Amino acid sequence: MSRKELTVNPRQLTLLMILLVAGPIACGLLLYAFSKPMEEPPLPAWIKLDTTWIESKEGERRLLPCIVVKNISDAPWGKLSIGINEQFYSTGNMELAGGAETAIPLEAFVARNGSTRFPVATRKVEQVTVFAQLSTGARGISEFYLSEDQSEKETEWLKPSSTINLDSSP
């Protein structure tokens, strides 16, 4: 008996290549179409615009405008990061204990590309976004929108909101 060799003709090879390329693409598109987007959990935070005394490297103290962030939960946060007006950011691996607050001077906020600092004298704070890692390991986000009169007021705690009119409380 003779053994017949199996060969693949050019048409079969073309179909196989199309399936190998189109299969993963189709799977990716199906996953995209039928899966729900995961929302990031809200961060239990309040903010306020205030001034605080900051000590420089030379030992001098200056009174600077700042953003104060308060962790209103009992659980600590990690990797606290704050954005102003979707352009200037203060990032770091700072941790914030439950119930604690921290003040970050507005002049410490830098543009994404690192070229310019937040112009405190010429720009108003209109939006603040606070990011932090929750105790569950998820990244929590809270956004704050400040109206013109709120950006001029100091020492009022602001709650996160998705609307322009914020409810402030102690």
N, C-alpha and C. Protein backbone atom coordinates (compact mmCIF):
# COMPACT_ATOMS: atom_id res chain seq x y z
N MET A 1 0.81 -1.16 0.00
CA MET A 1 0.00 0.00 0.00
C MET A 1 0.86 1.25 0.00
N SER A 2 0.41 2.18 -0.77
CA SER A 2 1.16 3.44 -0.80
C SER A 2 0.48 4.47 0.08
N ARG A 3 1.28 5.25 0.62
CA ARG A 3 0.78 6.27 1.54
C ARG A 3 0.60 7.58 0.79
N LYS A 4 -0.58 8.18 0.93
CA LYS A 4 -0.86 9.43 0.23
C LYS A 4 -0.44 10.60 1.12
N GLU A 5 0.34 11.50 0.57
CA GLU A 5 0.80 12.66 1.34
C GLU A 5 -0.28 13.74 1.34
N LEU A 6 -0.45 14.33 2.50
CA LEU A 6 -1.41 15.42 2.62
C LEU A 6 -0.70 16.72 2.33
N THR A 7 -1.29 17.50 1.48
CA THR A 7 -0.73 18.81 1.16
C THR A 7 -1.84 19.85 1.27
N VAL A 8 -1.43 21.05 1.45
CA VAL A 8 -2.36 22.17 1.54
C VAL A 8 -2.22 22.96 0.26
N ASN A 9 -3.32 23.15 -0.41
CA ASN A 9 -3.25 23.91 -1.65
C ASN A 9 -3.31 25.41 -1.33
N PRO A 10 -2.99 26.27 -2.27
CA PRO A 10 -2.94 27.72 -2.01
C PRO A 10 -4.27 28.31 -1.53
N ARG A 11 -5.37 27.79 -2.00
CA ARG A 11 -6.67 28.32 -1.58
C ARG A 11 -6.91 28.00 -0.10
N GLN A 12 -6.60 26.79 0.33
CA GLN A 12 -6.77 26.42 1.73
C GLN A 12 -5.83 27.23 2.62
N LEU A 13 -4.63 27.46 2.15
CA LEU A 13 -3.65 28.24 2.91
C LEU A 13 -4.14 29.68 3.08
N THR A 14 -4.74 30.25 2.06
CA THR A 14 -5.27 31.61 2.14
C THR A 14 -6.41 31.68 3.15
N LEU A 15 -7.32 30.72 3.10
CA LEU A 15 -8.43 30.69 4.07
C LEU A 15 -7.92 30.53 5.51
N LEU A 16 -6.92 29.69 5.69
CA LEU A 16 -6.34 29.49 7.02
C LEU A 16 -5.71 30.79 7.54
N MET A 17 -5.00 31.51 6.69
CA MET A 17 -4.37 32.77 7.11
C MET A 17 -5.43 33.82 7.45
N ILE A 18 -6.51 33.87 6.66
CA ILE A 18 -7.58 34.82 6.96
C ILE A 18 -8.21 34.50 8.31
N LEU A 19 -8.46 33.23 8.59
CA LEU A 19 -9.02 32.83 9.88
C LEU A 19 -8.07 33.16 11.03
N LEU A 20 -6.78 32.93 10.83
CA LEU A 20 -5.81 33.21 11.90
C LEU A 20 -5.70 34.70 12.20
N VAL A 21 -5.90 35.55 11.21
CA VAL A 21 -5.84 36.99 11.43
C VAL A 21 -7.19 37.52 11.90
N ALA A 22 -8.27 37.09 11.27
CA ALA A 22 -9.59 37.64 11.58
C ALA A 22 -10.16 37.10 12.89
N GLY A 23 -9.79 35.90 13.30
CA GLY A 23 -10.32 35.31 14.52
C GLY A 23 -10.04 36.13 15.76
N PRO A 24 -8.78 36.46 16.07
CA PRO A 24 -8.52 37.27 17.26
C PRO A 24 -9.12 38.67 17.18
N ILE A 25 -9.14 39.25 15.98
CA ILE A 25 -9.75 40.58 15.83
C ILE A 25 -11.24 40.50 16.14
N ALA A 26 -11.91 39.49 15.63
CA ALA A 26 -13.34 39.32 15.89
C ALA A 26 -13.61 39.09 17.38
N CYS A 27 -12.77 38.30 18.03
CA CYS A 27 -12.93 38.07 19.48
C CYS A 27 -12.79 39.37 20.26
N GLY A 28 -11.80 40.18 19.90
CA GLY A 28 -11.61 41.47 20.57
C GLY A 28 -12.79 42.40 20.37
N LEU A 29 -13.31 42.46 19.15
CA LEU A 29 -14.47 43.31 18.88
C LEU A 29 -15.71 42.83 19.62
N LEU A 30 -15.89 41.52 19.71
CA LEU A 30 -17.03 40.98 20.45
C LEU A 30 -16.93 41.30 21.94
N LEU A 31 -15.73 41.17 22.51
CA LEU A 31 -15.55 41.53 23.92
C LEU A 31 -15.84 43.00 24.15
N TYR A 32 -15.37 43.84 23.26
CA TYR A 32 -15.60 45.28 23.38
C TYR A 32 -17.10 45.60 23.29
N ALA A 33 -17.79 44.94 22.38
CA ALA A 33 -19.21 45.24 22.15
C ALA A 33 -20.10 44.74 23.29
N PHE A 34 -19.77 43.62 23.90
CA PHE A 34 -20.68 43.01 24.86
C PHE A 34 -20.25 43.13 26.32
N SER A 35 -19.13 43.73 26.60
CA SER A 35 -18.73 43.88 28.01
C SER A 35 -19.05 45.29 28.48
N LYS A 36 -19.47 45.39 29.74
CA LYS A 36 -19.79 46.68 30.33
C LYS A 36 -18.51 47.34 30.82
N PRO A 37 -18.40 48.66 30.67
CA PRO A 37 -17.22 49.34 31.20
C PRO A 37 -17.25 49.33 32.73
N MET A 38 -16.08 49.16 33.31
CA MET A 38 -15.99 49.16 34.77
C MET A 38 -15.78 50.60 35.25
N GLU A 39 -16.61 51.04 36.16
CA GLU A 39 -16.46 52.37 36.71
C GLU A 39 -15.54 52.31 37.92
N GLU A 40 -14.76 53.37 38.07
CA GLU A 40 -13.88 53.43 39.23
C GLU A 40 -14.70 53.88 40.44
N PRO A 41 -14.41 53.32 41.60
CA PRO A 41 -15.21 53.68 42.78
C PRO A 41 -14.96 55.13 43.20
N PRO A 42 -15.96 55.77 43.80
CA PRO A 42 -15.76 57.14 44.27
C PRO A 42 -14.80 57.17 45.46
N LEU A 43 -14.04 58.23 45.54
CA LEU A 43 -13.09 58.41 46.62
C LEU A 43 -13.77 59.22 47.72
N PRO A 44 -13.80 58.72 48.96
CA PRO A 44 -14.45 59.48 50.04
C PRO A 44 -13.56 60.65 50.48
N ALA A 45 -13.68 61.76 49.75
CA ALA A 45 -12.79 62.90 49.99
C ALA A 45 -13.58 64.19 50.00
N TRP A 46 -13.06 65.16 50.74
CA TRP A 46 -13.51 66.54 50.68
C TRP A 46 -12.28 67.38 50.40
N ILE A 47 -12.50 68.53 49.78
CA ILE A 47 -11.38 69.46 49.57
C ILE A 47 -11.80 70.85 50.02
N LYS A 48 -10.81 71.70 50.21
CA LYS A 48 -11.07 73.12 50.41
C LYS A 48 -9.84 73.89 49.95
N LEU A 49 -10.09 75.11 49.50
CA LEU A 49 -9.00 76.01 49.14
C LEU A 49 -8.67 76.81 50.39
N ASP A 50 -7.41 76.89 50.71
CA ASP A 50 -6.99 77.53 51.95
C ASP A 50 -5.60 78.11 51.75
N THR A 51 -5.04 78.68 52.78
CA THR A 51 -3.64 79.10 52.78
C THR A 51 -2.96 78.40 53.95
N THR A 52 -1.68 78.13 53.77
CA THR A 52 -0.93 77.47 54.84
C THR A 52 0.51 77.95 54.83
N TRP A 53 1.14 77.83 55.98
CA TRP A 53 2.55 78.21 56.09
C TRP A 53 3.40 77.04 55.61
N ILE A 54 4.29 77.32 54.66
CA ILE A 54 5.20 76.31 54.11
C ILE A 54 6.62 76.77 54.39
N GLU A 55 7.43 75.85 54.90
CA GLU A 55 8.82 76.17 55.19
C GLU A 55 9.69 75.79 54.00
N SER A 56 10.55 76.72 53.57
CA SER A 56 11.45 76.47 52.44
C SER A 56 12.71 75.76 52.92
N LYS A 57 13.58 75.41 51.98
CA LYS A 57 14.83 74.72 52.32
C LYS A 57 15.75 75.60 53.16
N GLU A 58 15.62 76.91 52.97
CA GLU A 58 16.47 77.85 53.71
C GLU A 58 15.92 78.13 55.11
N GLY A 59 14.81 77.55 55.46
CA GLY A 59 14.22 77.74 56.78
C GLY A 59 13.24 78.90 56.85
N GLU A 60 13.00 79.56 55.72
CA GLU A 60 12.04 80.66 55.70
C GLU A 60 10.62 80.09 55.57
N ARG A 61 9.67 80.80 56.15
CA ARG A 61 8.27 80.36 56.06
C ARG A 61 7.51 81.35 55.19
N ARG A 62 6.64 80.80 54.33
CA ARG A 62 5.81 81.63 53.47
C ARG A 62 4.36 81.16 53.57
N LEU A 63 3.44 82.11 53.50
CA LEU A 63 2.02 81.80 53.50
C LEU A 63 1.58 81.62 52.05
N LEU A 64 1.17 80.39 51.69
CA LEU A 64 0.86 80.07 50.30
C LEU A 64 -0.56 79.55 50.15
N PRO A 65 -1.20 79.87 49.00
CA PRO A 65 -2.50 79.26 48.73
C PRO A 65 -2.31 77.77 48.45
N CYS A 66 -3.25 76.96 48.91
CA CYS A 66 -3.10 75.52 48.75
C CYS A 66 -4.46 74.85 48.63
N ILE A 67 -4.42 73.58 48.26
CA ILE A 67 -5.60 72.73 48.27
C ILE A 67 -5.44 71.77 49.44
N VAL A 68 -6.44 71.70 50.28
CA VAL A 68 -6.43 70.78 51.41
C VAL A 68 -7.36 69.62 51.05
N VAL A 69 -6.85 68.40 51.15
CA VAL A 69 -7.63 67.20 50.86
C VAL A 69 -7.83 66.46 52.17
N LYS A 70 -9.08 66.06 52.43
CA LYS A 70 -9.40 65.34 53.66
C LYS A 70 -9.94 63.96 53.31
N ASN A 71 -9.37 62.94 53.94
CA ASN A 71 -9.86 61.57 53.81
C ASN A 71 -10.98 61.40 54.83
N ILE A 72 -12.22 61.32 54.37
CA ILE A 72 -13.36 61.24 55.30
C ILE A 72 -13.71 59.80 55.65
N SER A 73 -12.92 58.85 55.18
CA SER A 73 -13.16 57.45 55.54
C SER A 73 -12.23 57.04 56.68
N ASP A 74 -12.42 55.85 57.19
CA ASP A 74 -11.55 55.32 58.23
C ASP A 74 -10.33 54.61 57.66
N ALA A 75 -10.40 54.22 56.39
CA ALA A 75 -9.32 53.46 55.75
C ALA A 75 -8.28 54.40 55.15
N PRO A 76 -7.01 54.00 55.19
CA PRO A 76 -5.96 54.84 54.60
C PRO A 76 -5.99 54.77 53.07
N TRP A 77 -5.41 55.79 52.46
CA TRP A 77 -5.24 55.82 51.00
C TRP A 77 -3.76 55.74 50.69
N GLY A 78 -3.46 55.26 49.51
CA GLY A 78 -2.09 55.27 49.00
C GLY A 78 -2.06 55.98 47.66
N LYS A 79 -0.89 56.37 47.23
CA LYS A 79 -0.65 56.96 45.91
C LYS A 79 -1.60 58.13 45.62
N LEU A 80 -1.67 59.07 46.54
CA LEU A 80 -2.53 60.24 46.38
C LEU A 80 -2.01 61.13 45.26
N SER A 81 -2.90 61.54 44.36
CA SER A 81 -2.56 62.40 43.23
C SER A 81 -3.71 63.37 43.02
N ILE A 82 -3.39 64.62 42.71
CA ILE A 82 -4.42 65.64 42.56
C ILE A 82 -4.21 66.38 41.24
N GLY A 83 -5.30 66.66 40.54
CA GLY A 83 -5.24 67.41 39.29
C GLY A 83 -6.06 68.69 39.41
N ILE A 84 -5.55 69.75 38.79
CA ILE A 84 -6.25 71.04 38.77
C ILE A 84 -6.57 71.38 37.32
N ASN A 85 -7.82 71.69 37.04
CA ASN A 85 -8.26 72.14 35.71
C ASN A 85 -7.85 71.19 34.59
N GLU A 86 -7.73 69.92 34.88
CA GLU A 86 -7.35 68.88 33.91
C GLU A 86 -6.04 69.17 33.19
N GLN A 87 -5.18 69.99 33.78
CA GLN A 87 -3.93 70.34 33.13
C GLN A 87 -2.73 70.27 34.07
N PHE A 88 -2.91 70.61 35.32
CA PHE A 88 -1.80 70.65 36.27
C PHE A 88 -1.99 69.56 37.32
N TYR A 89 -0.89 68.87 37.66
CA TYR A 89 -0.99 67.71 38.55
C TYR A 89 0.08 67.75 39.63
N SER A 90 -0.27 67.20 40.76
CA SER A 90 0.66 66.96 41.85
C SER A 90 0.58 65.47 42.14
N THR A 91 1.63 64.75 41.81
CA THR A 91 1.60 63.30 41.99
C THR A 91 2.65 62.89 42.99
N GLY A 92 2.51 61.70 43.44
CA GLY A 92 3.47 61.16 44.38
C GLY A 92 2.92 59.91 45.02
N ASN A 93 3.75 59.28 45.78
CA ASN A 93 3.32 58.08 46.48
C ASN A 93 2.93 58.42 47.91
N MET A 94 2.31 59.59 48.09
CA MET A 94 1.91 60.02 49.42
C MET A 94 0.76 59.16 49.92
N GLU A 95 0.81 58.84 51.20
CA GLU A 95 -0.28 58.10 51.83
C GLU A 95 -1.02 59.06 52.75
N LEU A 96 -2.31 58.81 52.89
CA LEU A 96 -3.13 59.65 53.76
C LEU A 96 -3.97 58.74 54.64
N ALA A 97 -3.76 58.85 55.94
CA ALA A 97 -4.48 57.99 56.90
C ALA A 97 -5.96 58.36 56.94
N GLY A 98 -6.76 57.45 57.43
CA GLY A 98 -8.20 57.70 57.56
C GLY A 98 -8.47 58.87 58.49
N GLY A 99 -9.32 59.79 58.06
CA GLY A 99 -9.66 60.97 58.85
C GLY A 99 -8.62 62.07 58.80
N ALA A 100 -7.50 61.85 58.14
CA ALA A 100 -6.43 62.84 58.08
C ALA A 100 -6.63 63.78 56.89
N GLU A 101 -5.88 64.87 56.91
CA GLU A 101 -5.90 65.80 55.79
C GLU A 101 -4.49 66.25 55.47
N THR A 102 -4.30 66.68 54.23
CA THR A 102 -3.00 67.17 53.80
C THR A 102 -3.20 68.42 52.95
N ALA A 103 -2.24 69.33 53.02
CA ALA A 103 -2.29 70.57 52.25
C ALA A 103 -1.17 70.56 51.21
N ILE A 104 -1.52 70.85 49.97
CA ILE A 104 -0.54 70.90 48.88
C ILE A 104 -0.60 72.30 48.28
N PRO A 105 0.52 73.04 48.29
CA PRO A 105 0.53 74.40 47.73
C PRO A 105 0.21 74.38 46.23
N LEU A 106 -0.53 75.39 45.78
CA LEU A 106 -0.89 75.46 44.36
C LEU A 106 0.34 75.58 43.47
N GLU A 107 1.40 76.19 43.97
CA GLU A 107 2.60 76.33 43.15
C GLU A 107 3.34 75.01 42.96
N ALA A 108 2.96 73.97 43.67
CA ALA A 108 3.58 72.65 43.51
C ALA A 108 2.98 71.88 42.34
N PHE A 109 1.88 72.35 41.76
CA PHE A 109 1.24 71.66 40.65
C PHE A 109 1.94 72.01 39.35
N VAL A 110 2.24 70.98 38.57
CA VAL A 110 3.01 71.13 37.34
C VAL A 110 2.19 70.60 36.17
N ALA A 111 2.37 71.22 34.99
CA ALA A 111 1.70 70.73 33.77
C ALA A 111 2.16 69.32 33.47
N ARG A 112 1.37 68.59 32.70
CA ARG A 112 1.69 67.18 32.39
C ARG A 112 3.08 67.00 31.82
N ASN A 113 3.49 67.94 30.96
CA ASN A 113 4.81 67.79 30.35
C ASN A 113 5.93 68.30 31.25
N GLY A 114 5.59 68.83 32.41
CA GLY A 114 6.59 69.27 33.38
C GLY A 114 7.22 70.61 33.09
N SER A 115 6.71 71.33 32.09
CA SER A 115 7.36 72.56 31.68
C SER A 115 6.92 73.79 32.48
N THR A 116 5.69 73.83 32.95
CA THR A 116 5.21 75.01 33.66
C THR A 116 4.49 74.64 34.94
N ARG A 117 4.60 75.53 35.89
CA ARG A 117 3.89 75.37 37.16
C ARG A 117 2.54 76.09 37.05
N PHE A 118 1.64 75.76 37.96
CA PHE A 118 0.32 76.39 37.97
C PHE A 118 0.49 77.88 38.25
N PRO A 119 -0.01 78.75 37.36
CA PRO A 119 0.12 80.20 37.57
C PRO A 119 -0.90 80.70 38.59
N VAL A 120 -0.50 80.72 39.83
CA VAL A 120 -1.41 81.03 40.94
C VAL A 120 -2.01 82.43 40.79
N ALA A 121 -1.22 83.39 40.33
CA ALA A 121 -1.69 84.77 40.27
C ALA A 121 -2.66 85.02 39.12
N THR A 122 -2.60 84.22 38.06
CA THR A 122 -3.40 84.53 36.87
C THR A 122 -4.51 83.54 36.57
N ARG A 123 -4.50 82.35 37.15
CA ARG A 123 -5.53 81.35 36.84
C ARG A 123 -6.32 80.99 38.09
N LYS A 124 -7.59 80.76 37.89
CA LYS A 124 -8.46 80.32 38.99
C LYS A 124 -8.57 78.80 38.96
N VAL A 125 -8.80 78.23 40.11
CA VAL A 125 -9.05 76.79 40.21
C VAL A 125 -10.52 76.58 39.89
N GLU A 126 -10.79 75.86 38.80
CA GLU A 126 -12.16 75.61 38.38
C GLU A 126 -12.58 74.16 38.61
N GLN A 127 -11.61 73.26 38.52
CA GLN A 127 -11.92 71.84 38.70
C GLN A 127 -10.76 71.19 39.45
N VAL A 128 -11.09 70.32 40.38
CA VAL A 128 -10.08 69.55 41.11
C VAL A 128 -10.47 68.08 41.02
N THR A 129 -9.51 67.24 40.64
CA THR A 129 -9.73 65.80 40.58
C THR A 129 -8.75 65.15 41.55
N VAL A 130 -9.27 64.32 42.45
CA VAL A 130 -8.43 63.64 43.44
C VAL A 130 -8.45 62.15 43.13
N PHE A 131 -7.24 61.58 42.98
CA PHE A 131 -7.07 60.14 42.73
C PHE A 131 -6.33 59.55 43.92
N ALA A 132 -6.68 58.34 44.32
CA ALA A 132 -5.92 57.64 45.36
C ALA A 132 -6.24 56.16 45.29
N GLN A 133 -5.31 55.37 45.81
CA GLN A 133 -5.53 53.93 45.87
C GLN A 133 -6.25 53.61 47.18
N LEU A 134 -7.40 52.96 47.05
CA LEU A 134 -8.19 52.59 48.22
C LEU A 134 -7.60 51.36 48.90
N SER A 135 -8.08 51.04 50.08
CA SER A 135 -7.57 49.88 50.81
C SER A 135 -7.86 48.57 50.08
N THR A 136 -8.85 48.57 49.18
CA THR A 136 -9.16 47.37 48.40
C THR A 136 -8.18 47.17 47.25
N GLY A 137 -7.37 48.18 46.97
CA GLY A 137 -6.43 48.12 45.86
C GLY A 137 -6.94 48.83 44.62
N ALA A 138 -8.23 49.17 44.60
CA ALA A 138 -8.81 49.88 43.46
C ALA A 138 -8.44 51.36 43.53
N ARG A 139 -8.46 52.02 42.36
CA ARG A 139 -8.19 53.45 42.31
C ARG A 139 -9.51 54.19 42.44
N GLY A 140 -9.61 55.06 43.43
CA GLY A 140 -10.81 55.86 43.63
C GLY A 140 -10.61 57.25 43.07
N ILE A 141 -11.69 57.83 42.56
CA ILE A 141 -11.63 59.16 41.96
C ILE A 141 -12.79 60.00 42.47
N SER A 142 -12.51 61.26 42.79
CA SER A 142 -13.56 62.23 43.10
C SER A 142 -13.25 63.51 42.34
N GLU A 143 -14.29 64.07 41.72
CA GLU A 143 -14.13 65.32 40.98
C GLU A 143 -14.92 66.42 41.68
N PHE A 144 -14.34 67.60 41.69
CA PHE A 144 -14.94 68.77 42.31
C PHE A 144 -14.95 69.90 41.28
N TYR A 145 -16.12 70.49 41.06
CA TYR A 145 -16.25 71.62 40.15
C TYR A 145 -16.55 72.85 40.98
N LEU A 146 -15.73 73.88 40.83
CA LEU A 146 -15.89 75.08 41.62
C LEU A 146 -16.46 76.19 40.77
N SER A 147 -17.49 76.85 41.27
CA SER A 147 -18.00 78.04 40.58
C SER A 147 -17.08 79.20 40.94
N GLU A 148 -17.30 80.33 40.29
CA GLU A 148 -16.39 81.46 40.49
C GLU A 148 -16.37 81.94 41.94
N ASP A 149 -17.54 82.00 42.58
CA ASP A 149 -17.56 82.46 43.97
C ASP A 149 -16.95 81.44 44.92
N GLN A 150 -17.02 80.15 44.58
CA GLN A 150 -16.43 79.13 45.44
C GLN A 150 -14.91 79.12 45.34
N SER A 151 -14.36 79.46 44.17
CA SER A 151 -12.91 79.45 44.04
C SER A 151 -12.29 80.64 44.76
N GLU A 152 -13.10 81.66 45.07
CA GLU A 152 -12.59 82.80 45.82
C GLU A 152 -12.75 82.62 47.32
N LYS A 153 -13.72 81.80 47.74
CA LYS A 153 -13.92 81.53 49.16
C LYS A 153 -12.86 80.56 49.64
N GLU A 154 -12.52 80.68 50.89
CA GLU A 154 -11.58 79.74 51.48
C GLU A 154 -12.22 79.10 52.70
N THR A 155 -11.64 78.02 53.13
CA THR A 155 -11.99 77.29 54.34
C THR A 155 -13.39 76.68 54.34
N GLU A 156 -14.00 76.44 53.21
CA GLU A 156 -15.26 75.70 53.13
C GLU A 156 -14.97 74.34 52.53
N TRP A 157 -15.37 73.29 53.21
CA TRP A 157 -15.18 71.94 52.67
C TRP A 157 -16.15 71.72 51.53
N LEU A 158 -15.65 71.17 50.44
CA LEU A 158 -16.48 70.87 49.27
C LEU A 158 -16.58 69.37 49.10
N LYS A 159 -17.80 68.90 48.84
CA LYS A 159 -18.03 67.48 48.58
C LYS A 159 -17.91 67.22 47.09
N PRO A 160 -17.57 65.99 46.69
CA PRO A 160 -17.49 65.69 45.26
C PRO A 160 -18.85 65.83 44.59
N SER A 161 -18.82 66.26 43.34
CA SER A 161 -20.06 66.46 42.61
C SER A 161 -19.79 66.36 41.13
N SER A 162 -20.82 66.04 40.38
CA SER A 162 -20.68 66.02 38.93
C SER A 162 -21.37 67.22 38.30
N THR A 163 -21.88 68.12 39.13
CA THR A 163 -22.54 69.31 38.62
C THR A 163 -21.75 70.54 39.05
N ILE A 164 -22.07 71.67 38.44
CA ILE A 164 -21.37 72.90 38.74
C ILE A 164 -21.69 73.40 40.14
N ASN A 165 -22.94 73.31 40.58
CA ASN A 165 -23.32 73.80 41.91
C ASN A 165 -22.96 72.76 42.96
N LEU A 166 -21.98 73.11 43.77
CA LEU A 166 -21.53 72.17 44.80
C LEU A 166 -22.22 72.45 46.12
N ASP A 167 -22.47 71.41 46.82
CA ASP A 167 -23.00 71.49 48.18
C ASP A 167 -21.80 71.52 49.10
N SER A 168 -21.63 72.54 49.90
CA SER A 168 -20.50 72.59 50.81
C SER A 168 -20.97 72.32 52.22
N SER A 169 -20.08 71.70 52.99
CA SER A 169 -20.44 71.39 54.37
C SER A 169 -19.18 71.27 55.20
N PRO A 170 -19.29 71.33 56.50
CA PRO A 170 -18.12 71.23 57.38
C PRO A 170 -17.62 69.81 57.49
